[in-house]
Amino acid sequence: MVFEANASAGGPLAVINLSGRVDGEAEAGLVAAYDRASAGSPLAILIDFSRVDFINSKGLALIVVLLRDSSRRGIRLAACGLTQHYIDIFEVTRLTEHVDVYPDVERARAALLSSAGSSSGRARAERLGA
């Protein structure tokens, strides 16, 4: 599946919808979508992985690059739609210490907008929908 990244921005929450493979070839599209999403200085950016079928180590490295930039800008980064396999990888790599993970867009949107601007200290189980 060909990688695609689309960003919707405006207001306190921007959303980046991804599909396909998140790997080295996704870099230009992912960075462009992130740049569009972060241009309006939202309080949070949600990356929706629900249509992603593969993430490799280069894809994880790209997410870390976005995390560094969002932290520098004071923008909270969150993810949703990850399969359990990728949630486990986010946990092992400790990305979940810096990126809030939600089961779906609706729960992520509700949580992020209700706590817009606050720190990331929610309980892990709450974020993951357990």
C-alpha atoms as a PDB file:
ATOM      1  CA  MET A   1       0.000   0.000   0.000  1.00  0.00           C
ATOM      2  CA  VAL A   2       1.322   3.433  -0.947  1.00  0.00           C
ATOM      3  CA  PHE A   3       2.000   5.814   1.940  1.00  0.00           C
ATOM      4  CA  GLU A   4      -0.273   8.819   2.305  1.00  0.00           C
ATOM      5  CA  ALA A   5      -0.399  11.523   4.963  1.00  0.00           C
ATOM      6  CA  ASN A   6      -3.105  14.149   5.223  1.00  0.00           C
ATOM      7  CA  ALA A   7      -3.294  16.861   7.848  1.00  0.00           C
ATOM      8  CA  SER A   8      -6.275  18.789   9.110  1.00  0.00           C
ATOM      9  CA  ALA A   9      -5.378  21.814  11.152  1.00  0.00           C
ATOM     10  CA  GLY A  10      -7.175  24.676  12.807  1.00  0.00           C
ATOM     11  CA  GLY A  11      -8.041  25.123  16.427  1.00  0.00           C
ATOM     12  CA  PRO A  12      -6.339  23.508  19.397  1.00  0.00           C
ATOM     13  CA  LEU A  13      -6.082  20.020  17.838  1.00  0.00           C
ATOM     14  CA  ALA A  14      -4.542  19.076  14.490  1.00  0.00           C
ATOM     15  CA  VAL A  15      -4.903  15.558  13.094  1.00  0.00           C
ATOM     16  CA  ILE A  16      -2.548  13.736  10.751  1.00  0.00           C
ATOM     17  CA  ASN A  17      -4.181  10.737   9.046  1.00  0.00           C
ATOM     18  CA  LEU A  18      -1.710   8.158   7.791  1.00  0.00           C
ATOM     19  CA  SER A  19      -2.176   5.166   5.521  1.00  0.00           C
ATOM     20  CA  GLY A  20       0.168   2.571   4.091  1.00  0.00           C
ATOM     21  CA  ARG A  21       3.716   1.886   5.229  1.00  0.00           C
ATOM     22  CA  VAL A  22       5.551   4.209   7.611  1.00  0.00           C
ATOM     23  CA  ASP A  23       9.158   3.662   6.627  1.00  0.00           C
ATOM     24  CA  GLY A  24      12.042   5.626   5.146  1.00  0.00           C
ATOM     25  CA  GLU A  25      10.090   6.357   1.984  1.00  0.00           C
ATOM     26  CA  ALA A  26       7.367   8.030   4.062  1.00  0.00           C
ATOM     27  CA  GLU A  27       9.674  10.767   5.326  1.00  0.00           C
ATOM     28  CA  ALA A  28       8.822  13.556   2.858  1.00  0.00           C
ATOM     29  CA  GLY A  29       5.054  13.002   3.096  1.00  0.00           C
ATOM     30  CA  LEU A  30       5.050  12.646   6.880  1.00  0.00           C
ATOM     31  CA  VAL A  31       7.188  15.745   7.419  1.00  0.00           C
ATOM     32  CA  ALA A  32       5.032  17.770   5.011  1.00  0.00           C
ATOM     33  CA  ALA A  33       1.849  16.691   6.821  1.00  0.00           C
ATOM     34  CA  TYR A  34       3.447  17.506  10.183  1.00  0.00           C
ATOM     35  CA  ASP A  35       4.500  20.933   8.919  1.00  0.00           C
ATOM     36  CA  ARG A  36       0.901  21.634   7.815  1.00  0.00           C
ATOM     37  CA  ALA A  37      -0.482  20.375  11.126  1.00  0.00           C
ATOM     38  CA  SER A  38       1.936  22.375  13.266  1.00  0.00           C
ATOM     39  CA  ALA A  39       1.748  25.603  11.237  1.00  0.00           C
ATOM     40  CA  GLY A  40      -1.191  26.944  13.237  1.00  0.00           C
ATOM     41  CA  SER A  41       0.547  26.223  16.565  1.00  0.00           C
ATOM     42  CA  PRO A  42      -2.084  23.818  17.897  1.00  0.00           C
ATOM     43  CA  LEU A  43      -1.912  22.661  21.496  1.00  0.00           C
ATOM     44  CA  ALA A  44      -1.791  19.039  20.315  1.00  0.00           C
ATOM     45  CA  ILE A  45      -1.228  16.978  17.175  1.00  0.00           C
ATOM     46  CA  LEU A  46      -2.903  13.585  16.908  1.00  0.00           C
ATOM     47  CA  ILE A  47      -1.405  11.048  14.508  1.00  0.00           C
ATOM     48  CA  ASP A  48      -3.995   8.501  13.368  1.00  0.00           C
ATOM     49  CA  PHE A  49      -2.357   5.160  12.533  1.00  0.00           C
ATOM     50  CA  SER A  50      -5.624   3.236  11.982  1.00  0.00           C
ATOM     51  CA  ARG A  51      -4.929   2.778   8.252  1.00  0.00           C
ATOM     52  CA  VAL A  52      -1.207   2.031   8.617  1.00  0.00           C
ATOM     53  CA  ASP A  53      -0.231  -1.541   7.841  1.00  0.00           C
ATOM     54  CA  PHE A  54       3.493  -1.413   8.642  1.00  0.00           C
ATOM     55  CA  ILE A  55       5.956   0.660  10.682  1.00  0.00           C
ATOM     56  CA  ASN A  56       9.664  -0.156  10.629  1.00  0.00           C
ATOM     57  CA  SER A  57      12.578   1.248  12.629  1.00  0.00           C
ATOM     58  CA  LYS A  58      13.015   4.156  10.201  1.00  0.00           C
ATOM     59  CA  GLY A  59       9.313   4.957  10.649  1.00  0.00           C
ATOM     60  CA  LEU A  60       9.764   4.959  14.427  1.00  0.00           C
ATOM     61  CA  ALA A  61      12.771   7.239  14.009  1.00  0.00           C
ATOM     62  CA  LEU A  62      10.612   9.650  11.991  1.00  0.00           C
ATOM     63  CA  ILE A  63       8.063   9.710  14.823  1.00  0.00           C
ATOM     64  CA  VAL A  64      10.879  10.531  17.252  1.00  0.00           C
ATOM     65  CA  VAL A  65      11.923  13.440  14.999  1.00  0.00           C
ATOM     66  CA  LEU A  66       8.341  14.762  15.100  1.00  0.00           C
ATOM     67  CA  LEU A  67       8.268  14.277  18.871  1.00  0.00           C
ATOM     68  CA  ARG A  68      11.461  16.305  19.306  1.00  0.00           C
ATOM     69  CA  ASP A  69      10.117  19.125  17.181  1.00  0.00           C
ATOM     70  CA  SER A  70       6.712  19.138  18.862  1.00  0.00           C
ATOM     71  CA  SER A  71       8.366  19.200  22.299  1.00  0.00           C
ATOM     72  CA  ARG A  72      10.544  22.114  21.247  1.00  0.00           C
ATOM     73  CA  ARG A  73       7.439  23.994  20.081  1.00  0.00           C
ATOM     74  CA  GLY A  74       5.390  23.111  23.151  1.00  0.00           C
ATOM     75  CA  ILE A  75       2.928  21.016  21.114  1.00  0.00           C
ATOM     76  CA  ARG A  76       1.657  17.808  22.655  1.00  0.00           C
ATOM     77  CA  LEU A  77       1.963  14.740  20.386  1.00  0.00           C
ATOM     78  CA  ALA A  78      -0.523  11.854  20.564  1.00  0.00           C
ATOM     79  CA  ALA A  79      -1.257   8.723  18.563  1.00  0.00           C
ATOM     80  CA  CYS A  80      -4.308   6.581  17.954  1.00  0.00           C
ATOM     81  CA  GLY A  81      -5.330   3.576  15.926  1.00  0.00           C
ATOM     82  CA  LEU A  82      -2.207   1.547  16.639  1.00  0.00           C
ATOM     83  CA  THR A  83      -2.542  -2.233  16.643  1.00  0.00           C
ATOM     84  CA  GLN A  84      -1.539  -4.025  19.840  1.00  0.00           C
ATOM     85  CA  HIS A  85       1.725  -5.019  18.175  1.00  0.00           C
ATOM     86  CA  TYR A  86       2.685  -1.373  17.629  1.00  0.00           C
ATOM     87  CA  ILE A  87       1.416  -0.323  21.064  1.00  0.00           C
ATOM     88  CA  ASP A  88       3.835  -2.911  22.472  1.00  0.00           C
ATOM     89  CA  ILE A  89       6.653  -1.468  20.345  1.00  0.00           C
ATOM     90  CA  PHE A  90       5.818   2.064  21.518  1.00  0.00           C
ATOM     91  CA  GLU A  91       5.978   0.782  25.109  1.00  0.00           C
ATOM     92  CA  VAL A  92       9.266  -1.124  24.675  1.00  0.00           C
ATOM     93  CA  THR A  93      10.888   1.884  23.001  1.00  0.00           C
ATOM     94  CA  ARG A  94       9.438   4.124  25.743  1.00  0.00           C
ATOM     95  CA  LEU A  95       7.611   6.316  23.222  1.00  0.00           C
ATOM     96  CA  THR A  96       4.516   5.993  25.437  1.00  0.00           C
ATOM     97  CA  GLU A  97       6.347   8.059  28.047  1.00  0.00           C
ATOM     98  CA  HIS A  98       6.203  11.004  25.637  1.00  0.00           C
ATOM     99  CA  VAL A  99       3.362  10.249  23.229  1.00  0.00           C
ATOM    100  CA  ASP A 100      -0.147   9.662  24.582  1.00  0.00           C
ATOM    101  CA  VAL A 101      -1.697   6.611  22.905  1.00  0.00           C
ATOM    102  CA  TYR A 102      -5.460   6.283  22.451  1.00  0.00           C
ATOM    103  CA  PRO A 103      -7.557   3.523  20.892  1.00  0.00           C
ATOM    104  CA  ASP A 104      -9.316   5.751  18.340  1.00  0.00           C
ATOM    105  CA  VAL A 105      -9.754   9.309  17.091  1.00  0.00           C
ATOM    106  CA  GLU A 106     -12.961   9.950  19.043  1.00  0.00           C
ATOM    107  CA  ARG A 107     -11.475   9.074  22.443  1.00  0.00           C
ATOM    108  CA  ALA A 108      -8.246  10.875  21.640  1.00  0.00           C
ATOM    109  CA  ARG A 109     -10.087  14.016  20.552  1.00  0.00           C
ATOM    110  CA  ALA A 110     -12.260  14.007  23.692  1.00  0.00           C
ATOM    111  CA  ALA A 111      -9.303  13.510  26.020  1.00  0.00           C
ATOM    112  CA  LEU A 112      -6.974  15.958  24.286  1.00  0.00           C
ATOM    113  CA  LEU A 113      -9.557  18.725  24.005  1.00  0.00           C
ATOM    114  CA  SER A 114     -10.712  18.286  27.606  1.00  0.00           C
ATOM    115  CA  SER A 115      -7.134  18.674  28.815  1.00  0.00           C
ATOM    116  CA  ALA A 116      -5.799  21.015  26.123  1.00  0.00           C
ATOM    117  CA  GLY A 117      -2.569  22.530  27.270  1.00  0.00           C
ATOM    118  CA  SER A 118      -2.122  20.334  30.334  1.00  0.00           C
ATOM    119  CA  SER A 119       0.789  17.994  30.869  1.00  0.00           C
ATOM    120  CA  SER A 120       0.696  14.411  29.715  1.00  0.00           C
ATOM    121  CA  GLY A 121       0.291  12.796  33.140  1.00  0.00           C
ATOM    122  CA  ARG A 122      -2.819  10.662  32.467  1.00  0.00           C
ATOM    123  CA  ALA A 123      -2.755   7.069  33.565  1.00  0.00           C
ATOM    124  CA  ARG A 124      -1.561   4.701  30.857  1.00  0.00           C
ATOM    125  CA  ALA A 125      -4.621   2.478  31.192  1.00  0.00           C
ATOM    126  CA  GLU A 126      -6.936   5.439  30.667  1.00  0.00           C
ATOM    127  CA  ARG A 127      -5.093   6.505  27.509  1.00  0.00           C
ATOM    128  CA  LEU A 128      -5.180   3.035  26.048  1.00  0.00           C
ATOM    129  CA  GLY A 129      -8.868   2.652  26.801  1.00  0.00           C
ATOM    130  CA  ALA A 130      -8.460  -0.173  29.345  1.00  0.00           C
END
